[in-house]
């Protein structure tokens, strides 16, 4: 472990990850890790968890446009476990049993699917980015890119509406976005706006986009 890092503070961050993932916006905030927590007291803790292969970090884009590098807010981020089993293991025994029996997902259903997808994207070499505008009217789980365009990736725990995905594709304001991807309980398909894929094919996205 890096000299000078407080083991207790690393554990504080680690143990709070599922709490923030259970929130609606999933934004991780050091100030809420413990009472009176200050960012300067936690410098290096999140980097250590990332460099140790324990977490993935997803940053909020300033605008949904290219390039991705340099176009994000380093103070607005979400933390996912690199191993979704760690997320499940961080919950109480009753919650774990419910999840194994595919019931009572409730708060964590979206977080679990996002965690799985995020990890598959990272393993393909992607860095993680999301977007949520100030009004909260547009929110997108992840973004990747092909040679010519920015691609919003929506993860649906349920087969619900894709309002944000449609708005990003349809709006002339987002000229870098030409189509999108929706992951969920879907067969492979294309509706002239976005592709649909089942979750388990996420690990092939980069290969597909190169051959597309």
C-alpha atoms as a PDB file:
ATOM      1  CA  UNK A   1       0.000   0.000   0.000  1.00  0.00           C
ATOM      2  CA  UNK A   2       1.154   3.513  -0.797  1.00  0.00           C
ATOM      3  CA  UNK A   3       3.040   5.075   2.113  1.00  0.00           C
ATOM      4  CA  UNK A   4       0.922   7.545   4.060  1.00  0.00           C
ATOM      5  CA  UNK A   5      -2.486   6.200   3.094  1.00  0.00           C
ATOM      6  CA  UNK A   6      -4.858   5.554   5.965  1.00  0.00           C
ATOM      7  CA  UNK A   7      -6.160   1.963   5.897  1.00  0.00           C
ATOM      8  CA  UNK A   8      -9.317   3.046   7.691  1.00  0.00           C
ATOM      9  CA  UNK A   9     -10.122   5.692   5.104  1.00  0.00           C
ATOM     10  CA  UNK A  10      -9.657   3.194   2.270  1.00  0.00           C
ATOM     11  CA  UNK A  11     -12.109   0.886   4.027  1.00  0.00           C
ATOM     12  CA  UNK A  12     -14.523   3.794   4.533  1.00  0.00           C
ATOM     13  CA  UNK A  13     -14.554   4.429   0.782  1.00  0.00           C
ATOM     14  CA  UNK A  14     -14.836   0.733  -0.068  1.00  0.00           C
ATOM     15  CA  UNK A  15     -17.745   0.137   2.302  1.00  0.00           C
ATOM     16  CA  UNK A  16     -19.685   3.149   1.034  1.00  0.00           C
ATOM     17  CA  UNK A  17     -19.591   2.140  -2.657  1.00  0.00           C
ATOM     18  CA  UNK A  18     -22.805   0.051  -2.509  1.00  0.00           C
ATOM     19  CA  UNK A  19     -24.532   2.859  -0.595  1.00  0.00           C
ATOM     20  CA  UNK A  20     -23.912   5.372  -3.379  1.00  0.00           C
ATOM     21  CA  UNK A  21     -24.759   2.828  -6.082  1.00  0.00           C
ATOM     22  CA  UNK A  22     -28.104   2.393  -4.361  1.00  0.00           C
ATOM     23  CA  UNK A  23     -28.865   6.103  -4.757  1.00  0.00           C
ATOM     24  CA  UNK A  24     -30.744   7.341  -7.792  1.00  0.00           C
ATOM     25  CA  UNK A  25     -27.865   9.364  -9.282  1.00  0.00           C
ATOM     26  CA  UNK A  26     -25.083   7.027  -8.006  1.00  0.00           C
ATOM     27  CA  UNK A  27     -22.693   9.972  -7.619  1.00  0.00           C
ATOM     28  CA  UNK A  28     -19.884   9.195  -5.188  1.00  0.00           C
ATOM     29  CA  UNK A  29     -19.211  11.961  -2.643  1.00  0.00           C
ATOM     30  CA  UNK A  30     -16.274  11.878  -0.256  1.00  0.00           C
ATOM     31  CA  UNK A  31     -18.048  14.405   1.986  1.00  0.00           C
ATOM     32  CA  UNK A  32     -20.669  11.744   2.760  1.00  0.00           C
ATOM     33  CA  UNK A  33     -18.301   8.861   3.420  1.00  0.00           C
ATOM     34  CA  UNK A  34     -18.137   9.799   7.088  1.00  0.00           C
ATOM     35  CA  UNK A  35     -19.185  12.713   9.284  1.00  0.00           C
ATOM     36  CA  UNK A  36     -17.074  15.818   8.537  1.00  0.00           C
ATOM     37  CA  UNK A  37     -15.060  13.956   5.880  1.00  0.00           C
ATOM     38  CA  UNK A  38     -12.861  16.232   3.776  1.00  0.00           C
ATOM     39  CA  UNK A  39     -11.533  15.492   0.325  1.00  0.00           C
ATOM     40  CA  UNK A  40      -7.957  16.364   1.247  1.00  0.00           C
ATOM     41  CA  UNK A  41      -8.013  13.687   3.945  1.00  0.00           C
ATOM     42  CA  UNK A  42      -8.918  11.057   1.342  1.00  0.00           C
ATOM     43  CA  UNK A  43      -6.400  11.956  -1.367  1.00  0.00           C
ATOM     44  CA  UNK A  44      -5.087   8.785  -2.978  1.00  0.00           C
ATOM     45  CA  UNK A  45      -7.621   6.375  -1.488  1.00  0.00           C
ATOM     46  CA  UNK A  46      -9.778   6.048  -4.599  1.00  0.00           C
ATOM     47  CA  UNK A  47      -6.718   5.892  -6.852  1.00  0.00           C
ATOM     48  CA  UNK A  48      -5.374   3.067  -4.688  1.00  0.00           C
ATOM     49  CA  UNK A  49      -8.603   1.079  -5.017  1.00  0.00           C
ATOM     50  CA  UNK A  50      -8.590   1.612  -8.790  1.00  0.00           C
ATOM     51  CA  UNK A  51      -4.905   0.750  -9.241  1.00  0.00           C
ATOM     52  CA  UNK A  52      -5.395  -2.361  -7.108  1.00  0.00           C
ATOM     53  CA  UNK A  53      -8.004  -3.624  -9.570  1.00  0.00           C
ATOM     54  CA  UNK A  54     -10.879  -3.352  -7.110  1.00  0.00           C
ATOM     55  CA  UNK A  55     -12.983  -0.572  -8.654  1.00  0.00           C
ATOM     56  CA  UNK A  56     -13.842   1.107 -11.943  1.00  0.00           C
ATOM     57  CA  UNK A  57     -14.485   4.851 -12.072  1.00  0.00           C
ATOM     58  CA  UNK A  58     -16.961   6.468 -14.455  1.00  0.00           C
ATOM     59  CA  UNK A  59     -16.720  10.242 -14.992  1.00  0.00           C
ATOM     60  CA  UNK A  60     -19.520  12.604 -15.971  1.00  0.00           C
ATOM     61  CA  UNK A  61     -19.040  14.247 -19.351  1.00  0.00           C
ATOM     62  CA  UNK A  62     -19.288  18.024 -19.476  1.00  0.00           C
ATOM     63  CA  UNK A  63     -21.094  17.628 -22.798  1.00  0.00           C
ATOM     64  CA  UNK A  64     -22.018  14.513 -24.782  1.00  0.00           C
ATOM     65  CA  UNK A  65     -19.533  15.185 -27.556  1.00  0.00           C
ATOM     66  CA  UNK A  66     -16.094  14.157 -28.773  1.00  0.00           C
ATOM     67  CA  UNK A  67     -13.357  13.943 -27.700  1.00  0.00           C
ATOM     68  CA  UNK A  68     -14.008  12.018 -24.504  1.00  0.00           C
ATOM     69  CA  UNK A  69     -10.617  12.678 -22.958  1.00  0.00           C
ATOM     70  CA  UNK A  70     -10.568  16.092 -21.268  1.00  0.00           C
ATOM     71  CA  UNK A  71     -14.322  16.493 -21.672  1.00  0.00           C
ATOM     72  CA  UNK A  72     -15.320  15.332 -18.200  1.00  0.00           C
ATOM     73  CA  UNK A  73     -15.696  16.625 -14.672  1.00  0.00           C
ATOM     74  CA  UNK A  74     -13.096  14.929 -12.416  1.00  0.00           C
ATOM     75  CA  UNK A  75     -15.182  15.806  -9.360  1.00  0.00           C
ATOM     76  CA  UNK A  76     -18.355  14.157 -10.616  1.00  0.00           C
ATOM     77  CA  UNK A  77     -17.956  10.419 -10.803  1.00  0.00           C
ATOM     78  CA  UNK A  78     -19.471   7.053 -10.007  1.00  0.00           C
ATOM     79  CA  UNK A  79     -17.596   4.108  -8.554  1.00  0.00           C
ATOM     80  CA  UNK A  80     -18.374   0.551  -9.626  1.00  0.00           C
ATOM     81  CA  UNK A  81     -16.809  -2.662  -8.392  1.00  0.00           C
ATOM     82  CA  UNK A  82     -14.572  -4.345 -10.942  1.00  0.00           C
ATOM     83  CA  UNK A  83     -16.029  -7.646  -9.770  1.00  0.00           C
ATOM     84  CA  UNK A  84     -19.817  -7.577  -9.446  1.00  0.00           C
ATOM     85  CA  UNK A  85     -19.487 -10.359  -6.896  1.00  0.00           C
ATOM     86  CA  UNK A  86     -17.976  -7.757  -4.557  1.00  0.00           C
ATOM     87  CA  UNK A  87     -21.134  -5.675  -4.892  1.00  0.00           C
ATOM     88  CA  UNK A  88     -23.335  -8.659  -4.094  1.00  0.00           C
ATOM     89  CA  UNK A  89     -21.022  -9.656  -1.249  1.00  0.00           C
ATOM     90  CA  UNK A  90     -21.237  -6.183   0.269  1.00  0.00           C
ATOM     91  CA  UNK A  91     -24.976  -6.574   0.879  1.00  0.00           C
ATOM     92  CA  UNK A  92     -26.558  -8.293   3.858  1.00  0.00           C
ATOM     93  CA  UNK A  93     -27.153 -12.048   3.747  1.00  0.00           C
ATOM     94  CA  UNK A  94     -30.884 -11.706   3.159  1.00  0.00           C
ATOM     95  CA  UNK A  95     -30.352  -9.371   0.194  1.00  0.00           C
ATOM     96  CA  UNK A  96     -27.768 -11.742  -1.264  1.00  0.00           C
ATOM     97  CA  UNK A  97     -30.193 -14.653  -0.987  1.00  0.00           C
ATOM     98  CA  UNK A  98     -32.932 -12.601  -2.656  1.00  0.00           C
ATOM     99  CA  UNK A  99     -30.654 -11.735  -5.556  1.00  0.00           C
ATOM    100  CA  UNK A 100     -29.656 -15.367  -6.022  1.00  0.00           C
ATOM    101  CA  UNK A 101     -33.355 -16.198  -6.208  1.00  0.00           C
ATOM    102  CA  UNK A 102     -33.942 -13.355  -8.686  1.00  0.00           C
ATOM    103  CA  UNK A 103     -36.324 -11.408  -6.469  1.00  0.00           C
ATOM    104  CA  UNK A 104     -36.467  -8.168  -4.473  1.00  0.00           C
ATOM    105  CA  UNK A 105     -33.862  -6.400  -6.624  1.00  0.00           C
ATOM    106  CA  UNK A 106     -35.445  -3.030  -5.863  1.00  0.00           C
ATOM    107  CA  UNK A 107     -32.761  -0.407  -5.138  1.00  0.00           C
ATOM    108  CA  UNK A 108     -29.850  -2.382  -6.533  1.00  0.00           C
ATOM    109  CA  UNK A 109     -31.310  -3.794  -9.732  1.00  0.00           C
ATOM    110  CA  UNK A 110     -30.088  -0.973 -11.976  1.00  0.00           C
ATOM    111  CA  UNK A 111     -26.776  -0.767 -10.129  1.00  0.00           C
ATOM    112  CA  UNK A 112     -26.044  -4.460 -10.629  1.00  0.00           C
ATOM    113  CA  UNK A 113     -26.670  -4.358 -14.359  1.00  0.00           C
ATOM    114  CA  UNK A 114     -24.637  -1.171 -14.758  1.00  0.00           C
ATOM    115  CA  UNK A 115     -21.826  -2.697 -12.721  1.00  0.00           C
ATOM    116  CA  UNK A 116     -21.730  -5.772 -14.968  1.00  0.00           C
ATOM    117  CA  UNK A 117     -21.813  -3.731 -18.182  1.00  0.00           C
ATOM    118  CA  UNK A 118     -19.221  -1.246 -16.933  1.00  0.00           C
ATOM    119  CA  UNK A 119     -16.808  -4.040 -16.118  1.00  0.00           C
ATOM    120  CA  UNK A 120     -17.242  -5.654 -19.541  1.00  0.00           C
ATOM    121  CA  UNK A 121     -16.565  -2.291 -21.209  1.00  0.00           C
ATOM    122  CA  UNK A 122     -13.390  -1.775 -19.162  1.00  0.00           C
ATOM    123  CA  UNK A 123     -12.164  -5.252 -20.028  1.00  0.00           C
ATOM    124  CA  UNK A 124     -12.435  -4.277 -23.711  1.00  0.00           C
ATOM    125  CA  UNK A 125     -10.211  -1.271 -23.123  1.00  0.00           C
ATOM    126  CA  UNK A 126     -12.880   1.406 -22.794  1.00  0.00           C
ATOM    127  CA  UNK A 127     -12.764   4.119 -20.165  1.00  0.00           C
ATOM    128  CA  UNK A 128     -16.080   4.798 -18.465  1.00  0.00           C
ATOM    129  CA  UNK A 129     -18.092   7.972 -18.974  1.00  0.00           C
ATOM    130  CA  UNK A 130     -21.697   8.871 -18.259  1.00  0.00           C
ATOM    131  CA  UNK A 131     -23.778  12.018 -18.674  1.00  0.00           C
ATOM    132  CA  UNK A 132     -26.483  13.802 -16.715  1.00  0.00           C
ATOM    133  CA  UNK A 133     -27.471  17.369 -17.525  1.00  0.00           C
ATOM    134  CA  UNK A 134     -28.114  19.933 -14.791  1.00  0.00           C
ATOM    135  CA  UNK A 135     -31.881  19.678 -15.099  1.00  0.00           C
ATOM    136  CA  UNK A 136     -31.770  15.900 -14.939  1.00  0.00           C
ATOM    137  CA  UNK A 137     -33.826  15.635 -18.118  1.00  0.00           C
ATOM    138  CA  UNK A 138     -31.161  13.676 -19.989  1.00  0.00           C
ATOM    139  CA  UNK A 139     -29.109  10.922 -18.406  1.00  0.00           C
ATOM    140  CA  UNK A 140     -27.038   8.232 -20.076  1.00  0.00           C
ATOM    141  CA  UNK A 141     -25.293   5.318 -18.393  1.00  0.00           C
ATOM    142  CA  UNK A 142     -22.200   4.991 -20.584  1.00  0.00           C
ATOM    143  CA  UNK A 143     -20.569   6.312 -23.747  1.00  0.00           C
ATOM    144  CA  UNK A 144     -18.225   4.600 -26.159  1.00  0.00           C
ATOM    145  CA  UNK A 145     -17.160   5.580 -29.652  1.00  0.00           C
ATOM    146  CA  UNK A 146     -16.416   4.204 -33.080  1.00  0.00           C
ATOM    147  CA  UNK A 147     -14.230   5.789 -35.719  1.00  0.00           C
ATOM    148  CA  UNK A 148     -16.623   8.626 -36.542  1.00  0.00           C
ATOM    149  CA  UNK A 149     -19.156   9.047 -33.755  1.00  0.00           C
ATOM    150  CA  UNK A 150     -19.988   9.103 -30.071  1.00  0.00           C
ATOM    151  CA  UNK A 151     -22.265   6.254 -29.020  1.00  0.00           C
ATOM    152  CA  UNK A 152     -24.571   6.481 -25.985  1.00  0.00           C
ATOM    153  CA  UNK A 153     -25.084   3.129 -24.267  1.00  0.00           C
ATOM    154  CA  UNK A 154     -28.225   2.688 -22.218  1.00  0.00           C
ATOM    155  CA  UNK A 155     -28.502  -0.152 -19.700  1.00  0.00           C
ATOM    156  CA  UNK A 156     -32.071  -1.158 -18.936  1.00  0.00           C
ATOM    157  CA  UNK A 157     -32.800  -3.349 -15.933  1.00  0.00           C
ATOM    158  CA  UNK A 158     -36.393  -3.394 -17.183  1.00  0.00           C
ATOM    159  CA  UNK A 159     -37.622  -3.067 -20.736  1.00  0.00           C
ATOM    160  CA  UNK A 160     -38.699   0.548 -20.243  1.00  0.00           C
ATOM    161  CA  UNK A 161     -38.773   3.663 -22.378  1.00  0.00           C
ATOM    162  CA  UNK A 162     -35.591   5.077 -23.868  1.00  0.00           C
ATOM    163  CA  UNK A 163     -36.366   8.794 -23.594  1.00  0.00           C
ATOM    164  CA  UNK A 164     -32.809  10.005 -23.005  1.00  0.00           C
ATOM    165  CA  UNK A 165     -31.389   7.749 -25.712  1.00  0.00           C
ATOM    166  CA  UNK A 166     -33.906   9.021 -28.255  1.00  0.00           C
ATOM    167  CA  UNK A 167     -33.299  12.651 -27.274  1.00  0.00           C
ATOM    168  CA  UNK A 168     -29.544  12.317 -27.665  1.00  0.00           C
ATOM    169  CA  UNK A 169     -29.895  10.733 -31.095  1.00  0.00           C
ATOM    170  CA  UNK A 170     -32.643  13.016 -32.387  1.00  0.00           C
ATOM    171  CA  UNK A 171     -31.315  16.373 -31.212  1.00  0.00           C
ATOM    172  CA  UNK A 172     -29.259  18.390 -33.684  1.00  0.00           C
ATOM    173  CA  UNK A 173     -27.408  19.769 -30.670  1.00  0.00           C
ATOM    174  CA  UNK A 174     -25.472  16.522 -30.316  1.00  0.00           C
ATOM    175  CA  UNK A 175     -23.950  16.254 -33.763  1.00  0.00           C
ATOM    176  CA  UNK A 176     -21.357  13.635 -32.747  1.00  0.00           C
ATOM    177  CA  UNK A 177     -24.117  11.156 -31.903  1.00  0.00           C
ATOM    178  CA  UNK A 178     -25.462   9.313 -34.930  1.00  0.00           C
ATOM    179  CA  UNK A 179     -26.872   6.176 -33.313  1.00  0.00           C
ATOM    180  CA  UNK A 180     -27.000   4.463 -29.942  1.00  0.00           C
ATOM    181  CA  UNK A 181     -26.984   1.106 -28.193  1.00  0.00           C
ATOM    182  CA  UNK A 182     -29.540  -0.304 -25.774  1.00  0.00           C
ATOM    183  CA  UNK A 183     -28.643  -3.273 -23.593  1.00  0.00           C
ATOM    184  CA  UNK A 184     -31.391  -5.247 -21.931  1.00  0.00           C
ATOM    185  CA  UNK A 185     -33.727  -8.198 -22.267  1.00  0.00           C
ATOM    186  CA  UNK A 186     -33.648  -7.826 -26.026  1.00  0.00           C
ATOM    187  CA  UNK A 187     -32.720  -9.761 -29.119  1.00  0.00           C
ATOM    188  CA  UNK A 188     -30.198  -8.281 -31.531  1.00  0.00           C
ATOM    189  CA  UNK A 189     -31.895  -5.620 -33.592  1.00  0.00           C
ATOM    190  CA  UNK A 190     -31.801  -2.142 -35.121  1.00  0.00           C
ATOM    191  CA  UNK A 191     -34.665   0.357 -35.454  1.00  0.00           C
ATOM    192  CA  UNK A 192     -32.775   2.911 -37.585  1.00  0.00           C
ATOM    193  CA  UNK A 193     -31.846   4.820 -34.425  1.00  0.00           C
ATOM    194  CA  UNK A 194     -30.245   2.417 -31.994  1.00  0.00           C
ATOM    195  CA  UNK A 195     -29.074  -1.168 -31.802  1.00  0.00           C
ATOM    196  CA  UNK A 196     -30.428  -3.548 -29.184  1.00  0.00           C
ATOM    197  CA  UNK A 197     -28.306  -6.315 -27.674  1.00  0.00           C
ATOM    198  CA  UNK A 198     -28.768  -8.705 -24.758  1.00  0.00           C
ATOM    199  CA  UNK A 199     -26.499  -7.973 -21.796  1.00  0.00           C
ATOM    200  CA  UNK A 200     -24.294 -11.001 -22.275  1.00  0.00           C
ATOM    201  CA  UNK A 201     -23.059  -9.722 -25.653  1.00  0.00           C
ATOM    202  CA  UNK A 202     -21.609  -6.528 -24.171  1.00  0.00           C
ATOM    203  CA  UNK A 203     -18.139  -8.052 -24.202  1.00  0.00           C
ATOM    204  CA  UNK A 204     -18.294  -8.160 -28.029  1.00  0.00           C
ATOM    205  CA  UNK A 205     -19.246  -4.507 -28.597  1.00  0.00           C
ATOM    206  CA  UNK A 206     -15.792  -3.242 -29.478  1.00  0.00           C
ATOM    207  CA  UNK A 207     -15.247  -6.059 -31.952  1.00  0.00           C
ATOM    208  CA  UNK A 208     -18.684  -5.452 -33.474  1.00  0.00           C
ATOM    209  CA  UNK A 209     -18.117  -1.734 -33.915  1.00  0.00           C
ATOM    210  CA  UNK A 210     -14.777  -2.326 -35.637  1.00  0.00           C
ATOM    211  CA  UNK A 211     -16.358  -4.768 -38.100  1.00  0.00           C
ATOM    212  CA  UNK A 212     -19.558  -2.768 -38.554  1.00  0.00           C
END
